[in-house]
C-alpha atoms as a PDB file:
ATOM      1  CA  MET A   1      -9.100-135.331  19.648  1.00  0.00           C
ATOM      2  CA  ARG A   2     -12.094-135.751  17.064  1.00  0.00           C
ATOM      3  CA  ILE A   3     -14.435-133.313  19.200  1.00  0.00           C
ATOM      4  CA  LYS A   4     -11.664-130.818  19.391  1.00  0.00           C
ATOM      5  CA  ILE A   5     -11.527-130.541  15.412  1.00  0.00           C
ATOM      6  CA  ILE A   6     -15.140-130.373  15.270  1.00  0.00           C
ATOM      7  CA  ARG A   7     -15.277-127.645  17.617  1.00  0.00           C
ATOM      8  CA  VAL A   8     -12.478-125.868  15.617  1.00  0.00           C
ATOM      9  CA  PHE A   9     -14.445-126.118  12.436  1.00  0.00           C
ATOM     10  CA  PHE A  10     -17.677-124.973  13.953  1.00  0.00           C
ATOM     11  CA  ILE A  11     -16.141-121.830  15.549  1.00  0.00           C
ATOM     12  CA  ILE A  12     -14.515-121.090  12.080  1.00  0.00           C
ATOM     13  CA  GLY A  13     -17.725-121.681  10.179  1.00  0.00           C
ATOM     14  CA  CYS A  14     -19.546-119.541  12.666  1.00  0.00           C
ATOM     15  CA  LEU A  15     -17.052-116.425  12.009  1.00  0.00           C
ATOM     16  CA  GLY A  16     -17.220-117.014   8.342  1.00  0.00           C
ATOM     17  CA  PHE A  17     -20.890-116.870   8.247  1.00  0.00           C
ATOM     18  CA  PHE A  18     -21.025-113.592  10.560  1.00  0.00           C
ATOM     19  CA  GLN A  19     -18.386-112.065   8.468  1.00  0.00           C
ATOM     20  CA  CYS A  20     -20.279-112.686   5.441  1.00  0.00           C
ATOM     21  CA  GLN A  21     -23.539-111.160   7.026  1.00  0.00           C
ATOM     22  CA  GLU A  22     -21.807-108.106   7.828  1.00  0.00           C
ATOM     23  CA  ASP A  23     -20.325-107.651   4.325  1.00  0.00           C
ATOM     24  CA  LYS A  24     -23.868-107.882   3.034  1.00  0.00           C
ATOM     25  CA  PHE A  25     -24.697-104.523   4.928  1.00  0.00           C
ATOM     26  CA  SER A  26     -21.464-102.551   4.872  1.00  0.00           C
ATOM     27  CA  PHE A  27     -19.837-102.383   1.672  1.00  0.00           C
ATOM     28  CA  TYR A  28     -18.487-104.386  -1.241  1.00  0.00           C
ATOM     29  CA  LYS A  29     -15.245-104.483  -2.952  1.00  0.00           C
ATOM     30  CA  ASP A  30     -15.166-103.062  -6.383  1.00  0.00           C
ATOM     31  CA  PRO A  31     -12.554-105.200  -8.370  1.00  0.00           C
ATOM     32  CA  MET A  32     -11.601-102.136 -10.464  1.00  0.00           C
ATOM     33  CA  GLN A  33     -10.529-100.064  -7.503  1.00  0.00           C
ATOM     34  CA  ALA A  34      -7.997-100.303  -4.724  1.00  0.00           C
ATOM     35  CA  HIS A  35     -10.363 -99.400  -2.115  1.00  0.00           C
ATOM     36  CA  ASP A  36     -13.833 -99.976  -0.664  1.00  0.00           C
ATOM     37  CA  VAL A  37     -16.880 -98.842  -1.686  1.00  0.00           C
ATOM     38  CA  TRP A  38     -19.843 -98.116   0.445  1.00  0.00           C
ATOM     39  CA  ARG A  39     -23.490 -98.192  -0.817  1.00  0.00           C
ATOM     40  CA  LEU A  40     -26.802 -97.002   0.283  1.00  0.00           C
ATOM     41  CA  PRO A  41     -29.928 -98.521  -1.375  1.00  0.00           C
ATOM     42  CA  LEU A  42     -32.742 -96.073  -2.700  1.00  0.00           C
ATOM     43  CA  ILE A  43     -35.079 -98.183  -4.279  1.00  0.00           C
ATOM     44  CA  GLU A  44     -34.092-101.443  -6.143  1.00  0.00           C
ATOM     45  CA  PRO A  45     -31.733-101.381  -8.220  1.00  0.00           C
ATOM     46  CA  HIS A  46     -30.686 -97.788  -7.447  1.00  0.00           C
ATOM     47  CA  GLN A  47     -28.182 -96.816  -5.109  1.00  0.00           C
ATOM     48  CA  LEU A  48     -25.804 -94.197  -3.696  1.00  0.00           C
ATOM     49  CA  ILE A  49     -22.178 -95.061  -3.562  1.00  0.00           C
ATOM     50  CA  THR A  50     -18.958 -93.636  -1.816  1.00  0.00           C
ATOM     51  CA  ALA A  51     -15.518 -94.511  -1.465  1.00  0.00           C
ATOM     52  CA  TYR A  52     -15.186 -92.324   1.570  1.00  0.00           C
ATOM     53  CA  CYS A  53     -17.309 -93.879   4.037  1.00  0.00           C
ATOM     54  CA  CYS A  54     -20.350 -91.858   4.788  1.00  0.00           C
ATOM     55  CA  GLU A  55     -19.456 -88.687   3.020  1.00  0.00           C
ATOM     56  CA  GLY A  56     -19.545 -87.799  -0.615  1.00  0.00           C
ATOM     57  CA  TRP A  57     -22.458 -89.764  -1.914  1.00  0.00           C
ATOM     58  CA  ASN A  58     -22.856 -90.154  -5.626  1.00  0.00           C
ATOM     59  CA  PHE A  59     -25.518 -91.394  -7.957  1.00  0.00           C
ATOM     60  CA  GLN A  60     -23.867 -92.789 -11.144  1.00  0.00           C
ATOM     61  CA  GLU A  61     -25.753 -95.094 -13.456  1.00  0.00           C
ATOM     62  CA  LYS A  62     -25.281 -95.376 -17.379  1.00  0.00           C
ATOM     63  CA  GLU A  63     -29.063 -95.293 -18.069  1.00  0.00           C
ATOM     64  CA  PHE A  64     -29.431 -91.818 -16.753  1.00  0.00           C
ATOM     65  CA  SER A  65     -28.723 -88.680 -18.341  1.00  0.00           C
ATOM     66  CA  LYS A  66     -26.786 -87.151 -15.604  1.00  0.00           C
ATOM     67  CA  SER A  67     -25.240 -88.077 -12.367  1.00  0.00           C
ATOM     68  CA  PHE A  68     -25.272 -86.257  -9.064  1.00  0.00           C
ATOM     69  CA  SER A  69     -23.975 -86.200  -5.517  1.00  0.00           C
ATOM     70  CA  ALA A  70     -26.430 -86.088  -2.488  1.00  0.00           C
ATOM     71  CA  ASP A  71     -25.905 -84.510   1.028  1.00  0.00           C
ATOM     72  CA  SER A  72     -29.447 -84.843   1.509  1.00  0.00           C
ATOM     73  CA  ILE A  73     -31.877 -87.267   0.071  1.00  0.00           C
ATOM     74  CA  ASN A  74     -35.528 -88.519  -0.104  1.00  0.00           C
ATOM     75  CA  LEU A  75     -37.702 -90.882  -2.350  1.00  0.00           C
ATOM     76  CA  ASP A  76     -41.337 -90.233  -3.104  1.00  0.00           C
ATOM     77  CA  ASN A  77     -43.622 -91.549  -5.652  1.00  0.00           C
ATOM     78  CA  ASN A  78     -40.966 -92.750  -8.111  1.00  0.00           C
ATOM     79  CA  TYR A  79     -38.712 -89.738  -7.893  1.00  0.00           C
ATOM     80  CA  VAL A  80     -35.588 -89.322  -5.680  1.00  0.00           C
ATOM     81  CA  LEU A  81     -35.204 -85.920  -4.216  1.00  0.00           C
ATOM     82  CA  PHE A  82     -31.614 -84.538  -3.288  1.00  0.00           C
ATOM     83  CA  TRP A  83     -29.641 -81.648  -2.263  1.00  0.00           C
ATOM     84  CA  SER A  84     -25.953 -81.369  -3.115  1.00  0.00           C
ATOM     85  CA  GLY A  85     -24.797 -78.215  -1.327  1.00  0.00           C
ATOM     86  CA  ALA A  86     -24.685 -74.531  -2.743  1.00  0.00           C
ATOM     87  CA  GLU A  87     -28.236 -74.315  -3.714  1.00  0.00           C
ATOM     88  CA  ASN A  88     -27.977 -77.387  -5.970  1.00  0.00           C
ATOM     89  CA  TYR A  89     -31.364 -79.293  -5.630  1.00  0.00           C
ATOM     90  CA  GLY A  90     -32.644 -81.911  -7.996  1.00  0.00           C
ATOM     91  CA  LEU A  91     -35.258 -84.619  -8.763  1.00  0.00           C
ATOM     92  CA  LEU A  92     -34.339 -87.938 -10.370  1.00  0.00           C
ATOM     93  CA  ASP A  93     -37.341 -89.400 -12.137  1.00  0.00           C
ATOM     94  CA  ILE A  94     -36.923 -93.233 -11.898  1.00  0.00           C
ATOM     95  CA  LYS A  95     -39.462 -94.113 -14.849  1.00  0.00           C
ATOM     96  CA  ARG A  96     -38.405 -91.515 -17.333  1.00  0.00           C
ATOM     97  CA  LYS A  97     -34.500 -92.027 -16.284  1.00  0.00           C
ATOM     98  CA  THR A  98     -33.842 -88.362 -16.153  1.00  0.00           C
ATOM     99  CA  VAL A  99     -32.135 -85.984 -13.544  1.00  0.00           C
ATOM    100  CA  SER A 100     -33.496 -82.190 -13.275  1.00  0.00           C
ATOM    101  CA  GLN A 101     -31.455 -79.894 -11.246  1.00  0.00           C
ATOM    102  CA  PHE A 102     -32.521 -76.630  -9.816  1.00  0.00           C
ATOM    103  CA  GLY A 103     -30.455 -73.665  -8.795  1.00  0.00           C
ATOM    104  CA  THR A 104     -32.614 -72.397  -6.138  1.00  0.00           C
ATOM    105  CA  TYR A 105     -34.647 -73.855  -3.265  1.00  0.00           C
ATOM    106  CA  GLN A 106     -37.730 -72.085  -4.703  1.00  0.00           C
ATOM    107  CA  GLN A 107     -37.496 -73.739  -8.075  1.00  0.00           C
ATOM    108  CA  PHE A 108     -37.157 -77.038  -6.411  1.00  0.00           C
ATOM    109  CA  ALA A 109     -40.194 -76.453  -3.966  1.00  0.00           C
ATOM    110  CA  ASP A 110     -42.142 -75.220  -6.987  1.00  0.00           C
ATOM    111  CA  SER A 111     -41.346 -78.313  -9.047  1.00  0.00           C
ATOM    112  CA  VAL A 112     -42.269 -80.781  -6.260  1.00  0.00           C
ATOM    113  CA  LYS A 113     -45.607 -79.069  -5.405  1.00  0.00           C
ATOM    114  CA  LEU A 114     -46.467 -79.343  -9.206  1.00  0.00           C
ATOM    115  CA  LYS A 115     -45.767 -83.122  -8.905  1.00  0.00           C
ATOM    116  CA  GLY A 116     -47.811 -83.483  -5.498  1.00  0.00           C
ATOM    117  CA  ILE A 117     -44.622 -84.871  -3.896  1.00  0.00           C
ATOM    118  CA  THR A 118     -42.774 -83.999  -0.600  1.00  0.00           C
ATOM    119  CA  LYS A 119     -39.929 -81.477  -0.410  1.00  0.00           C
ATOM    120  CA  LYS A 120     -38.736 -83.149   2.812  1.00  0.00           C
ATOM    121  CA  LEU A 121     -34.960 -84.250   2.617  1.00  0.00           C
ATOM    122  CA  TYR A 122     -32.967 -86.458   5.086  1.00  0.00           C
ATOM    123  CA  CYS A 123     -29.143 -86.155   5.679  1.00  0.00           C
ATOM    124  CA  THR A 124     -27.568 -88.703   3.500  1.00  0.00           C
ATOM    125  CA  LYS A 125     -25.114 -89.619   6.370  1.00  0.00           C
ATOM    126  CA  THR A 126     -27.735 -89.973   9.007  1.00  0.00           C
ATOM    127  CA  VAL A 127     -30.004 -92.082   6.655  1.00  0.00           C
ATOM    128  CA  TYR A 128     -26.829 -94.554   6.017  1.00  0.00           C
ATOM    129  CA  ALA A 129     -26.105 -94.795   9.607  1.00  0.00           C
ATOM    130  CA  ASN A 130     -29.568 -95.564  10.370  1.00  0.00           C
ATOM    131  CA  TRP A 131     -29.798 -98.140   7.733  1.00  0.00           C
ATOM    132  CA  ARG A 132     -26.556 -99.726   8.791  1.00  0.00           C
ATOM    133  CA  GLU A 133     -27.869 -99.778  12.316  1.00  0.00           C
ATOM    134  CA  THR A 134     -31.383-100.890  11.560  1.00  0.00           C
ATOM    135  CA  GLY A 135     -31.943-101.916   8.113  1.00  0.00           C
ATOM    136  CA  GLN A 136     -34.440 -99.379   7.745  1.00  0.00           C
ATOM    137  CA  LEU A 137     -34.865 -96.402   5.200  1.00  0.00           C
ATOM    138  CA  PRO A 138     -37.106 -93.552   6.054  1.00  0.00           C
ATOM    139  CA  TRP A 139     -38.930 -93.474   2.945  1.00  0.00           C
ATOM    140  CA  ALA A 140     -39.706 -97.124   3.187  1.00  0.00           C
ATOM    141  CA  GLU A 141     -41.663 -96.328   6.426  1.00  0.00           C
ATOM    142  CA  GLU A 142     -43.503 -93.464   5.013  1.00  0.00           C
ATOM    143  CA  ILE A 143     -44.505 -95.760   2.001  1.00  0.00           C
ATOM    144  CA  LEU A 144     -45.620 -98.948   4.201  1.00  0.00           C
ATOM    145  CA  THR A 145     -47.716 -96.202   6.621  1.00  0.00           C
ATOM    146  CA  ALA A 146     -49.293 -94.543   3.568  1.00  0.00           C
ATOM    147  CA  GLN A 147     -50.196 -98.019   2.392  1.00  0.00           C
ATOM    148  CA  VAL A 148     -51.767 -99.001   5.520  1.00  0.00           C
ATOM    149  CA  PHE A 149     -53.951 -95.933   5.819  1.00  0.00           C
ATOM    150  CA  ASP A 150     -55.068 -96.062   2.072  1.00  0.00           C
END
């Protein structure tokens, strides 16, 4: 009888452990909202969030001058690059805590060229799916590769 009870507690403990591990990577509950909130890390402590799993990603932080949504995203040299559709491109400067937005792709391309950063953007939905599956972000791999060859 004692062995059966130990087995039951062991199984419950394992299930609880794996459930906690799953929650760490998928979403967290916002106590102020009745629905789930999914998060996509950019660079600690910054993140994109959505309440509509994998659609409508938003950046909203008090210390930044503006918020934005991001259908496509990238990170390079302390800048978050984004596109939110309808010719709305932008740069979030992590150090200065500012957001610059551009009405055309050409303005965006000119700005990133002046800063010496990439203009490559990744589909946010795809980045989230890859991160969820592998724990990898595309810009993390690029940063590590650049450090190896420097």
